């Protein structure tokens, strides 16, 4: 788990969960998790490592301020991030914004 990502998200909202928000009743909420890593090698050793993962916002409205606050907070924390997709979750009735991040570990 990347603490930089977690802390950046917590600066936007307290409804932040790692990997799953099972049982959560408060909307909007954010779920994040590492999906892999990117390793930079120098010679025959690892010189730097970055965590890769996703941040998912679930909200009821397309005007939710978290849509702008999340990438801004990650950028301010030095986390590379881009918006990967926006979907409507029929069963939950929520908009789902997904960002992909990469953060030095």
PDB file of N, CA and C in Angstrom:
ATOM      1  N   UNK A   1       0.849  -1.178   0.000  1.00  0.00           N
ATOM      2  CA  UNK A   1       0.000   0.000   0.000  1.00  0.00           C
ATOM      3  C   UNK A   1       0.890   1.236   0.000  1.00  0.00           C
ATOM      4  N   UNK A   2       0.575   2.171  -0.846  1.00  0.00           N
ATOM      5  CA  UNK A   2       1.356   3.387  -0.955  1.00  0.00           C
ATOM      6  C   UNK A   2       0.753   4.461  -0.048  1.00  0.00           C
ATOM      7  N   UNK A   3       1.502   4.860   0.963  1.00  0.00           N
ATOM      8  CA  UNK A   3       1.019   5.844   1.941  1.00  0.00           C
ATOM      9  C   UNK A   3       0.819   7.217   1.312  1.00  0.00           C
ATOM     10  N   UNK A   4       1.608   7.564   0.306  1.00  0.00           N
ATOM     11  CA  UNK A   4       1.462   8.856  -0.363  1.00  0.00           C
ATOM     12  C   UNK A   4       0.090   8.951  -1.019  1.00  0.00           C
ATOM     13  N   UNK A   5      -0.319   7.896  -1.698  1.00  0.00           N
ATOM     14  CA  UNK A   5      -1.630   7.864  -2.346  1.00  0.00           C
ATOM     15  C   UNK A   5      -2.728   7.928  -1.287  1.00  0.00           C
ATOM     16  N   UNK A   6      -2.619   7.115  -0.275  1.00  0.00           N
ATOM     17  CA  UNK A   6      -3.622   7.091   0.796  1.00  0.00           C
ATOM     18  C   UNK A   6      -3.792   8.469   1.425  1.00  0.00           C
ATOM     19  N   UNK A   7      -2.691   9.117   1.784  1.00  0.00           N
ATOM     20  CA  UNK A   7      -2.758  10.427   2.434  1.00  0.00           C
ATOM     21  C   UNK A   7      -3.325  11.494   1.508  1.00  0.00           C
ATOM     22  N   UNK A   8      -2.983  11.433   0.223  1.00  0.00           N
ATOM     23  CA  UNK A   8      -3.542  12.392  -0.740  1.00  0.00           C
ATOM     24  C   UNK A   8      -5.058  12.239  -0.825  1.00  0.00           C
ATOM     25  N   UNK A   9      -5.530  11.003  -0.860  1.00  0.00           N
ATOM     26  CA  UNK A   9      -6.973  10.755  -0.930  1.00  0.00           C
ATOM     27  C   UNK A   9      -7.679  11.192   0.346  1.00  0.00           C
ATOM     28  N   UNK A  10      -7.051  10.928   1.496  1.00  0.00           N
ATOM     29  CA  UNK A  10      -7.646  11.332   2.771  1.00  0.00           C
ATOM     30  C   UNK A  10      -7.716  12.845   2.925  1.00  0.00           C
ATOM     31  N   UNK A  11      -6.898  13.576   2.163  1.00  0.00           N
ATOM     32  CA  UNK A  11      -6.980  15.038   2.202  1.00  0.00           C
ATOM     33  C   UNK A  11      -8.236  15.534   1.483  1.00  0.00           C
ATOM     34  N   UNK A  12      -8.870  14.662   0.696  1.00  0.00           N
ATOM     35  CA  UNK A  12     -10.091  15.014  -0.046  1.00  0.00           C
ATOM     36  C   UNK A  12     -11.356  14.571   0.671  1.00  0.00           C
ATOM     37  N   UNK A  13     -11.315  13.390   1.293  1.00  0.00           N
ATOM     38  CA  UNK A  13     -12.483  12.808   1.958  1.00  0.00           C
ATOM     39  C   UNK A  13     -12.020  11.733   2.942  1.00  0.00           C
ATOM     40  N   UNK A  14     -12.822  11.489   3.950  1.00  0.00           N
ATOM     41  CA  UNK A  14     -12.525  10.405   4.893  1.00  0.00           C
ATOM     42  C   UNK A  14     -13.117   9.078   4.433  1.00  0.00           C
ATOM     43  N   UNK A  15     -13.940   9.097   3.400  1.00  0.00           N
ATOM     44  CA  UNK A  15     -14.554   7.872   2.871  1.00  0.00           C
ATOM     45  C   UNK A  15     -13.610   7.219   1.865  1.00  0.00           C
ATOM     46  N   UNK A  16     -12.469   6.747   2.356  1.00  0.00           N
ATOM     47  CA  UNK A  16     -11.418   6.144   1.536  1.00  0.00           C
ATOM     48  C   UNK A  16     -11.189   4.713   2.026  1.00  0.00           C
ATOM     49  N   UNK A  17     -11.173   3.769   1.072  1.00  0.00           N
ATOM     50  CA  UNK A  17     -11.038   2.352   1.413  1.00  0.00           C
ATOM     51  C   UNK A  17      -9.978   1.708   0.528  1.00  0.00           C
ATOM     52  N   UNK A  18      -9.267   0.756   1.099  1.00  0.00           N
ATOM     53  CA  UNK A  18      -8.231   0.030   0.366  1.00  0.00           C
ATOM     54  C   UNK A  18      -8.838  -1.247  -0.213  1.00  0.00           C
ATOM     55  N   UNK A  19      -8.865  -1.360  -1.513  1.00  0.00           N
ATOM     56  CA  UNK A  19      -9.340  -2.497  -2.305  1.00  0.00           C
ATOM     57  C   UNK A  19     -10.853  -2.682  -2.335  1.00  0.00           C
ATOM     58  N   UNK A  20     -11.558  -2.508  -1.246  1.00  0.00           N
ATOM     59  CA  UNK A  20     -13.005  -2.709  -1.253  1.00  0.00           C
ATOM     60  C   UNK A  20     -13.672  -1.805  -0.225  1.00  0.00           C
ATOM     61  N   UNK A  21     -14.900  -1.434  -0.514  1.00  0.00           N
ATOM     62  CA  UNK A  21     -15.689  -0.628   0.425  1.00  0.00           C
ATOM     63  C   UNK A  21     -16.885  -1.434   0.906  1.00  0.00           C
ATOM     64  N   UNK A  22     -16.709  -2.722   1.048  1.00  0.00           N
ATOM     65  CA  UNK A  22     -17.792  -3.626   1.440  1.00  0.00           C
ATOM     66  C   UNK A  22     -18.488  -3.100   2.698  1.00  0.00           C
ATOM     67  N   UNK A  23     -19.787  -3.003   2.618  1.00  0.00           N
ATOM     68  CA  UNK A  23     -20.568  -2.536   3.757  1.00  0.00           C
ATOM     69  C   UNK A  23     -20.676  -1.032   3.864  1.00  0.00           C
ATOM     70  N   UNK A  24     -19.976  -0.290   3.012  1.00  0.00           N
ATOM     71  CA  UNK A  24     -20.027   1.164   3.062  1.00  0.00           C
ATOM     72  C   UNK A  24     -21.408   1.655   2.633  1.00  0.00           C
ATOM     73  N   UNK A  25     -21.936   2.606   3.360  1.00  0.00           N
ATOM     74  CA  UNK A  25     -23.243   3.170   3.034  1.00  0.00           C
ATOM     75  C   UNK A  25     -23.154   4.640   2.629  1.00  0.00           C
ATOM     76  N   UNK A  26     -21.998   5.254   2.764  1.00  0.00           N
ATOM     77  CA  UNK A  26     -21.844   6.677   2.494  1.00  0.00           C
ATOM     78  C   UNK A  26     -21.347   6.925   1.077  1.00  0.00           C
ATOM     79  N   UNK A  27     -22.101   7.704   0.325  1.00  0.00           N
ATOM     80  CA  UNK A  27     -21.715   8.103  -1.030  1.00  0.00           C
ATOM     81  C   UNK A  27     -21.505   9.607  -0.988  1.00  0.00           C
ATOM     82  N   UNK A  28     -20.451  10.118  -1.569  1.00  0.00           N
ATOM     83  CA  UNK A  28     -19.450   9.457  -2.405  1.00  0.00           C
ATOM     84  C   UNK A  28     -18.396   8.749  -1.562  1.00  0.00           C
ATOM     85  N   UNK A  29     -17.711   7.793  -2.204  1.00  0.00           N
ATOM     86  CA  UNK A  29     -16.598   7.122  -1.553  1.00  0.00           C
ATOM     87  C   UNK A  29     -15.528   6.770  -2.579  1.00  0.00           C
ATOM     88  N   UNK A  30     -14.326   6.504  -2.056  1.00  0.00           N
ATOM     89  CA  UNK A  30     -13.152   6.245  -2.891  1.00  0.00           C
ATOM     90  C   UNK A  30     -12.554   4.904  -2.499  1.00  0.00           C
ATOM     91  N   UNK A  31     -12.190   4.115  -3.504  1.00  0.00           N
ATOM     92  CA  UNK A  31     -11.494   2.845  -3.297  1.00  0.00           C
ATOM     93  C   UNK A  31     -10.193   2.924  -4.085  1.00  0.00           C
ATOM     94  N   UNK A  32      -9.095   2.487  -3.467  1.00  0.00           N
ATOM     95  CA  UNK A  32      -7.815   2.489  -4.163  1.00  0.00           C
ATOM     96  C   UNK A  32      -7.078   1.194  -3.879  1.00  0.00           C
ATOM     97  N   UNK A  33      -6.131   0.872  -4.730  1.00  0.00           N
ATOM     98  CA  UNK A  33      -5.318  -0.311  -4.497  1.00  0.00           C
ATOM     99  C   UNK A  33      -4.201  -0.431  -5.513  1.00  0.00           C
ATOM    100  N   UNK A  34      -3.121  -1.040  -5.071  1.00  0.00           N
ATOM    101  CA  UNK A  34      -1.986  -1.296  -5.966  1.00  0.00           C
ATOM    102  C   UNK A  34      -2.298  -2.478  -6.870  1.00  0.00           C
ATOM    103  N   UNK A  35      -1.940  -2.331  -8.149  1.00  0.00           N
ATOM    104  CA  UNK A  35      -2.135  -3.394  -9.123  1.00  0.00           C
ATOM    105  C   UNK A  35      -0.813  -4.023  -9.549  1.00  0.00           C
ATOM    106  N   UNK A  36       0.280  -3.324  -9.311  1.00  0.00           N
ATOM    107  CA  UNK A  36       1.585  -3.812  -9.752  1.00  0.00           C
ATOM    108  C   UNK A  36       2.660  -2.804  -9.413  1.00  0.00           C
ATOM    109  N   UNK A  37       3.787  -2.944 -10.090  1.00  0.00           N
ATOM    110  CA  UNK A  37       4.886  -2.028  -9.848  1.00  0.00           C
ATOM    111  C   UNK A  37       5.687  -1.828 -11.127  1.00  0.00           C
ATOM    112  N   UNK A  38       6.443  -0.775 -11.130  1.00  0.00           N
ATOM    113  CA  UNK A  38       7.351  -0.492 -12.221  1.00  0.00           C
ATOM    114  C   UNK A  38       8.725  -0.344 -11.587  1.00  0.00           C
ATOM    115  N   UNK A  39       9.691  -1.101 -12.074  1.00  0.00           N
ATOM    116  CA  UNK A  39      11.030  -1.114 -11.474  1.00  0.00           C
ATOM    117  C   UNK A  39      12.027  -0.550 -12.474  1.00  0.00           C
ATOM    118  N   UNK A  40      12.825   0.381 -11.989  1.00  0.00           N
ATOM    119  CA  UNK A  40      13.905   0.944 -12.792  1.00  0.00           C
ATOM    120  C   UNK A  40      15.214   0.323 -12.342  1.00  0.00           C
ATOM    121  N   UNK A  41      15.950  -0.199 -13.296  1.00  0.00           N
ATOM    122  CA  UNK A  41      17.199  -0.879 -12.970  1.00  0.00           C
ATOM    123  C   UNK A  41      18.390  -0.043 -13.435  1.00  0.00           C
ATOM    124  N   UNK A  42      19.423  -0.076 -12.646  1.00  0.00           N
ATOM    125  CA  UNK A  42      20.682   0.577 -12.985  1.00  0.00           C
ATOM    126  C   UNK A  42      21.762  -0.478 -12.857  1.00  0.00           C
ATOM    127  N   UNK A  43      22.355  -0.830 -13.996  1.00  0.00           N
ATOM    128  CA  UNK A  43      23.315  -1.932 -13.965  1.00  0.00           C
ATOM    129  C   UNK A  43      22.578  -3.208 -13.637  1.00  0.00           C
ATOM    130  N   UNK A  44      23.023  -3.891 -12.608  1.00  0.00           N
ATOM    131  CA  UNK A  44      22.388  -5.156 -12.252  1.00  0.00           C
ATOM    132  C   UNK A  44      21.584  -5.073 -10.951  1.00  0.00           C
ATOM    133  N   UNK A  45      21.175  -3.868 -10.554  1.00  0.00           N
ATOM    134  CA  UNK A  45      20.369  -3.756  -9.340  1.00  0.00           C
ATOM    135  C   UNK A  45      19.194  -2.797  -9.535  1.00  0.00           C
ATOM    136  N   UNK A  46      18.204  -2.964  -8.702  1.00  0.00           N
ATOM    137  CA  UNK A  46      17.018  -2.117  -8.743  1.00  0.00           C
ATOM    138  C   UNK A  46      17.362  -0.778  -8.101  1.00  0.00           C
ATOM    139  N   UNK A  47      17.200   0.308  -8.859  1.00  0.00           N
ATOM    140  CA  UNK A  47      17.544   1.623  -8.324  1.00  0.00           C
ATOM    141  C   UNK A  47      16.319   2.408  -7.847  1.00  0.00           C
ATOM    142  N   UNK A  48      15.147   2.082  -8.399  1.00  0.00           N
ATOM    143  CA  UNK A  48      13.937   2.781  -7.988  1.00  0.00           C
ATOM    144  C   UNK A  48      12.729   1.908  -8.307  1.00  0.00           C
ATOM    145  N   UNK A  49      11.680   2.056  -7.483  1.00  0.00           N
ATOM    146  CA  UNK A  49      10.457   1.280  -7.684  1.00  0.00           C
ATOM    147  C   UNK A  49       9.265   2.206  -7.522  1.00  0.00           C
ATOM    148  N   UNK A  50       8.258   2.011  -8.360  1.00  0.00           N
ATOM    149  CA  UNK A  50       7.026   2.790  -8.272  1.00  0.00           C
ATOM    150  C   UNK A  50       5.838   1.840  -8.201  1.00  0.00           C
ATOM    151  N   UNK A  51       4.900   2.137  -7.306  1.00  0.00           N
ATOM    152  CA  UNK A  51       3.649   1.388  -7.226  1.00  0.00           C
ATOM    153  C   UNK A  51       2.718   1.867  -8.325  1.00  0.00           C
ATOM    154  N   UNK A  52       2.005   0.941  -8.948  1.00  0.00           N
ATOM    155  CA  UNK A  52       0.980   1.269  -9.931  1.00  0.00           C
ATOM    156  C   UNK A  52      -0.352   0.775  -9.394  1.00  0.00           C
ATOM    157  N   UNK A  53      -1.395   1.525  -9.646  1.00  0.00           N
ATOM    158  CA  UNK A  53      -2.697   1.093  -9.169  1.00  0.00           C
ATOM    159  C   UNK A  53      -3.811   1.963  -9.684  1.00  0.00           C
ATOM    160  N   UNK A  54      -4.974   1.791  -9.075  1.00  0.00           N
ATOM    161  CA  UNK A  54      -6.148   2.557  -9.480  1.00  0.00           C
ATOM    162  C   UNK A  54      -6.798   3.223  -8.282  1.00  0.00           C
ATOM    163  N   UNK A  55      -7.447   4.334  -8.574  1.00  0.00           N
ATOM    164  CA  UNK A  55      -8.286   5.058  -7.620  1.00  0.00           C
ATOM    165  C   UNK A  55      -9.663   5.129  -8.254  1.00  0.00           C
ATOM    166  N   UNK A  56     -10.679   4.690  -7.530  1.00  0.00           N
ATOM    167  CA  UNK A  56     -12.048   4.661  -8.041  1.00  0.00           C
ATOM    168  C   UNK A  56     -12.946   5.515  -7.162  1.00  0.00           C
ATOM    169  N   UNK A  57     -13.620   6.469  -7.782  1.00  0.00           N
ATOM    170  CA  UNK A  57     -14.596   7.312  -7.096  1.00  0.00           C
ATOM    171  C   UNK A  57     -15.988   6.853  -7.495  1.00  0.00           C
ATOM    172  N   UNK A  58     -16.845   6.630  -6.507  1.00  0.00           N
ATOM    173  CA  UNK A  58     -18.246   6.285  -6.731  1.00  0.00           C
ATOM    174  C   UNK A  58     -19.079   7.437  -6.185  1.00  0.00           C
ATOM    175  N   UNK A  59     -19.885   8.030  -7.052  1.00  0.00           N
ATOM    176  CA  UNK A  59     -20.655   9.212  -6.679  1.00  0.00           C
ATOM    177  C   UNK A  59     -22.004   9.205  -7.370  1.00  0.00           C
ATOM    178  N   UNK A  60     -22.916  10.031  -6.865  1.00  0.00           N
ATOM    179  CA  UNK A  60     -24.247  10.119  -7.462  1.00  0.00           C
ATOM    180  C   UNK A  60     -24.355  11.242  -8.483  1.00  0.00           C
ATOM    181  N   UNK A  61     -23.372  12.134  -8.528  1.00  0.00           N
ATOM    182  CA  UNK A  61     -23.511  13.316  -9.371  1.00  0.00           C
ATOM    183  C   UNK A  61     -22.252  13.624 -10.174  1.00  0.00           C
ATOM    184  N   UNK A  62     -22.454  14.071 -11.402  1.00  0.00           N
ATOM    185  CA  UNK A  62     -21.331  14.432 -12.273  1.00  0.00           C
ATOM    186  C   UNK A  62     -20.711  15.767 -11.874  1.00  0.00           C
ATOM    187  N   UNK A  63     -21.309  16.470 -10.929  1.00  0.00           N
ATOM    188  CA  UNK A  63     -20.745  17.737 -10.457  1.00  0.00           C
ATOM    189  C   UNK A  63     -20.062  17.597  -9.097  1.00  0.00           C
ATOM    190  N   UNK A  64     -19.794  16.375  -8.674  1.00  0.00           N
ATOM    191  CA  UNK A  64     -19.140  16.127  -7.386  1.00  0.00           C
ATOM    192  C   UNK A  64     -17.765  16.791  -7.378  1.00  0.00           C
ATOM    193  N   UNK A  65     -17.451  17.605  -6.378  1.00  0.00           N
ATOM    194  CA  UNK A  65     -16.145  18.274  -6.317  1.00  0.00           C
ATOM    195  C   UNK A  65     -14.962  17.301  -6.216  1.00  0.00           C
ATOM    196  N   UNK A  66     -15.207  16.069  -5.786  1.00  0.00           N
ATOM    197  CA  UNK A  66     -14.118  15.088  -5.695  1.00  0.00           C
ATOM    198  C   UNK A  66     -13.563  14.715  -7.076  1.00  0.00           C
ATOM    199  N   UNK A  67     -14.358  14.899  -8.118  1.00  0.00           N
ATOM    200  CA  UNK A  67     -13.901  14.582  -9.470  1.00  0.00           C
ATOM    201  C   UNK A  67     -12.674  15.419  -9.832  1.00  0.00           C
ATOM    202  N   UNK A  68     -12.628  16.642  -9.367  1.00  0.00           N
ATOM    203  CA  UNK A  68     -11.473  17.514  -9.605  1.00  0.00           C
ATOM    204  C   UNK A  68     -10.464  17.450  -8.449  1.00  0.00           C
ATOM    205  N   UNK A  69     -10.961  17.259  -7.241  1.00  0.00           N
ATOM    206  CA  UNK A  69     -10.080  17.278  -6.065  1.00  0.00           C
ATOM    207  C   UNK A  69      -9.128  16.085  -6.028  1.00  0.00           C
ATOM    208  N   UNK A  70      -9.580  14.912  -6.431  1.00  0.00           N
ATOM    209  CA  UNK A  70      -8.743  13.713  -6.348  1.00  0.00           C
ATOM    210  C   UNK A  70      -7.497  13.819  -7.224  1.00  0.00           C
ATOM    211  N   UNK A  71      -7.628  14.090  -8.534  1.00  0.00           N
ATOM    212  CA  UNK A  71      -6.399  14.185  -9.329  1.00  0.00           C
ATOM    213  C   UNK A  71      -5.515  15.356  -8.902  1.00  0.00           C
ATOM    214  N   UNK A  72      -6.119  16.445  -8.443  1.00  0.00           N
ATOM    215  CA  UNK A  72      -5.337  17.588  -7.972  1.00  0.00           C
ATOM    216  C   UNK A  72      -4.522  17.207  -6.725  1.00  0.00           C
ATOM    217  N   UNK A  73      -5.140  16.491  -5.787  1.00  0.00           N
ATOM    218  CA  UNK A  73      -4.433  16.078  -4.563  1.00  0.00           C
ATOM    219  C   UNK A  73      -3.308  15.101  -4.884  1.00  0.00           C
ATOM    220  N   UNK A  74      -3.560  14.164  -5.796  1.00  0.00           N
ATOM    221  CA  UNK A  74      -2.512  13.211  -6.187  1.00  0.00           C
ATOM    222  C   UNK A  74      -1.364  13.931  -6.884  1.00  0.00           C
ATOM    223  N   UNK A  75      -1.699  14.866  -7.772  1.00  0.00           N
ATOM    224  CA  UNK A  75      -0.670  15.636  -8.472  1.00  0.00           C
ATOM    225  C   UNK A  75       0.173  16.440  -7.482  1.00  0.00           C
ATOM    226  N   UNK A  76      -0.474  17.089  -6.532  1.00  0.00           N
ATOM    227  CA  UNK A  76       0.231  17.870  -5.505  1.00  0.00           C
ATOM    228  C   UNK A  76       1.170  16.992  -4.689  1.00  0.00           C
ATOM    229  N   UNK A  77       0.785  15.735  -4.474  1.00  0.00           N
ATOM    230  CA  UNK A  77       1.612  14.794  -3.701  1.00  0.00           C
ATOM    231  C   UNK A  77       2.728  14.171  -4.546  1.00  0.00           C
ATOM    232  N   UNK A  78       2.798  14.527  -5.828  1.00  0.00           N
ATOM    233  CA  UNK A  78       3.848  13.997  -6.690  1.00  0.00           C
ATOM    234  C   UNK A  78       3.530  12.652  -7.303  1.00  0.00           C
ATOM    235  N   UNK A  79       2.247  12.312  -7.355  1.00  0.00           N
ATOM    236  CA  UNK A  79       1.799  11.036  -7.910  1.00  0.00           C
ATOM    237  C   UNK A  79       1.353  11.265  -9.356  1.00  0.00           C
ATOM    238  N   UNK A  80       1.917  10.506 -10.283  1.00  0.00           N
ATOM    239  CA  UNK A  80       1.469  10.572 -11.679  1.00  0.00           C
ATOM    240  C   UNK A  80       0.104   9.918 -11.774  1.00  0.00           C
ATOM    241  N   UNK A  81      -0.833  10.579 -12.447  1.00  0.00           N
ATOM    242  CA  UNK A  81      -2.205  10.071 -12.492  1.00  0.00           C
ATOM    243  C   UNK A  81      -2.874  10.491 -13.796  1.00  0.00           C
ATOM    244  N   UNK A  82      -3.749   9.620 -14.317  1.00  0.00           N
ATOM    245  CA  UNK A  82      -4.583   9.995 -15.456  1.00  0.00           C
ATOM    246  C   UNK A  82      -5.955   9.341 -15.320  1.00  0.00           C
ATOM    247  N   UNK A  83      -6.969  10.020 -15.869  1.00  0.00           N
ATOM    248  CA  UNK A  83      -8.323   9.491 -15.868  1.00  0.00           C
ATOM    249  C   UNK A  83      -8.404   8.383 -16.900  1.00  0.00           C
ATOM    250  N   UNK A  84      -8.755   7.183 -16.463  1.00  0.00           N
ATOM    251  CA  UNK A  84      -8.803   6.022 -17.342  1.00  0.00           C
ATOM    252  C   UNK A  84     -10.206   5.772 -17.897  1.00  0.00           C
ATOM    253  N   UNK A  85     -11.244   5.965 -17.061  1.00  0.00           N
ATOM    254  CA  UNK A  85     -12.598   5.709 -17.547  1.00  0.00           C
ATOM    255  C   UNK A  85     -13.640   6.356 -16.641  1.00  0.00           C
ATOM    256  N   UNK A  86     -14.812   6.568 -17.221  1.00  0.00           N
ATOM    257  CA  UNK A  86     -15.992   7.007 -16.487  1.00  0.00           C
ATOM    258  C   UNK A  86     -17.116   6.086 -16.922  1.00  0.00           C
ATOM    259  N   UNK A  87     -17.798   5.495 -15.939  1.00  0.00           N
ATOM    260  CA  UNK A  87     -18.841   4.519 -16.228  1.00  0.00           C
ATOM    261  C   UNK A  87     -20.048   4.794 -15.340  1.00  0.00           C
ATOM    262  N   UNK A  88     -21.186   4.265 -15.743  1.00  0.00           N
ATOM    263  CA  UNK A  88     -22.365   4.297 -14.887  1.00  0.00           C
ATOM    264  C   UNK A  88     -22.627   2.877 -14.413  1.00  0.00           C
ATOM    265  N   UNK A  89     -22.671   2.706 -13.098  1.00  0.00           N
ATOM    266  CA  UNK A  89     -22.925   1.383 -12.503  1.00  0.00           C
ATOM    267  C   UNK A  89     -24.435   1.234 -12.300  1.00  0.00           C
ATOM    268  N   UNK A  90     -25.066   0.454 -13.175  1.00  0.00           N
ATOM    269  CA  UNK A  90     -26.525   0.302 -13.159  1.00  0.00           C
ATOM    270  C   UNK A  90     -27.065  -0.220 -11.832  1.00  0.00           C
ATOM    271  N   UNK A  91     -26.471  -1.297 -11.321  1.00  0.00           N
ATOM    272  CA  UNK A  91     -26.986  -1.909 -10.085  1.00  0.00           C
ATOM    273  C   UNK A  91     -26.955  -0.958  -8.909  1.00  0.00           C
ATOM    274  N   UNK A  92     -25.864  -0.214  -8.776  1.00  0.00           N
ATOM    275  CA  UNK A  92     -25.711   0.700  -7.644  1.00  0.00           C
ATOM    276  C   UNK A  92     -26.311   2.072  -7.925  1.00  0.00           C
ATOM    277  N   UNK A  93     -26.503   2.405  -9.205  1.00  0.00           N
ATOM    278  CA  UNK A  93     -27.012   3.721  -9.559  1.00  0.00           C
ATOM    279  C   UNK A  93     -25.991   4.818  -9.314  1.00  0.00           C
ATOM    280  N   UNK A  94     -24.699   4.490  -9.511  1.00  0.00           N
ATOM    281  CA  UNK A  94     -23.620   5.438  -9.224  1.00  0.00           C
ATOM    282  C   UNK A  94     -22.736   5.667 -10.444  1.00  0.00           C
ATOM    283  N   UNK A  95     -22.182   6.865 -10.533  1.00  0.00           N
ATOM    284  CA  UNK A  95     -21.129   7.144 -11.495  1.00  0.00           C
ATOM    285  C   UNK A  95     -19.826   6.622 -10.927  1.00  0.00           C
ATOM    286  N   UNK A  96     -19.001   6.060 -11.786  1.00  0.00           N
ATOM    287  CA  UNK A  96     -17.731   5.437 -11.370  1.00  0.00           C
ATOM    288  C   UNK A  96     -16.609   6.058 -12.188  1.00  0.00           C
ATOM    289  N   UNK A  97     -15.759   6.840 -11.524  1.00  0.00           N
ATOM    290  CA  UNK A  97     -14.581   7.441 -12.147  1.00  0.00           C
ATOM    291  C   UNK A  97     -13.371   6.620 -11.744  1.00  0.00           C
ATOM    292  N   UNK A  98     -12.542   6.252 -12.722  1.00  0.00           N
ATOM    293  CA  UNK A  98     -11.344   5.458 -12.430  1.00  0.00           C
ATOM    294  C   UNK A  98     -10.103   6.183 -12.939  1.00  0.00           C
ATOM    295  N   UNK A  99      -9.160   6.410 -12.019  1.00  0.00           N
ATOM    296  CA  UNK A  99      -7.863   6.981 -12.355  1.00  0.00           C
ATOM    297  C   UNK A  99      -6.792   5.914 -12.178  1.00  0.00           C
ATOM    298  N   UNK A 100      -5.774   5.934 -13.021  1.00  0.00           N
ATOM    299  CA  UNK A 100      -4.606   5.075 -12.875  1.00  0.00           C
ATOM    300  C   UNK A 100      -3.472   5.940 -12.339  1.00  0.00           C
ATOM    301  N   UNK A 101      -2.768   5.421 -11.336  1.00  0.00           N
ATOM    302  CA  UNK A 101      -1.665   6.194 -10.752  1.00  0.00           C
ATOM    303  C   UNK A 101      -0.369   5.392 -10.776  1.00  0.00           C
ATOM    304  N   UNK A 102       0.726   6.136 -10.637  1.00  0.00           N
ATOM    305  CA  UNK A 102       2.040   5.561 -10.427  1.00  0.00           C
ATOM    306  C   UNK A 102       2.752   6.455  -9.433  1.00  0.00           C
ATOM    307  N   UNK A 103       3.213   5.862  -8.342  1.00  0.00           N
ATOM    308  CA  UNK A 103       3.821   6.622  -7.258  1.00  0.00           C
ATOM    309  C   UNK A 103       5.106   5.942  -6.790  1.00  0.00           C
ATOM    310  N   UNK A 104       6.156   6.736  -6.662  1.00  0.00           N
ATOM    311  CA  UNK A 104       7.432   6.198  -6.184  1.00  0.00           C
ATOM    312  C   UNK A 104       7.208   5.619  -4.793  1.00  0.00           C
ATOM    313  N   UNK A 105       7.698   4.399  -4.626  1.00  0.00           N
ATOM    314  CA  UNK A 105       7.496   3.692  -3.356  1.00  0.00           C
ATOM    315  C   UNK A 105       8.657   3.893  -2.413  1.00  0.00           C
TER     316      UNK A 105
END
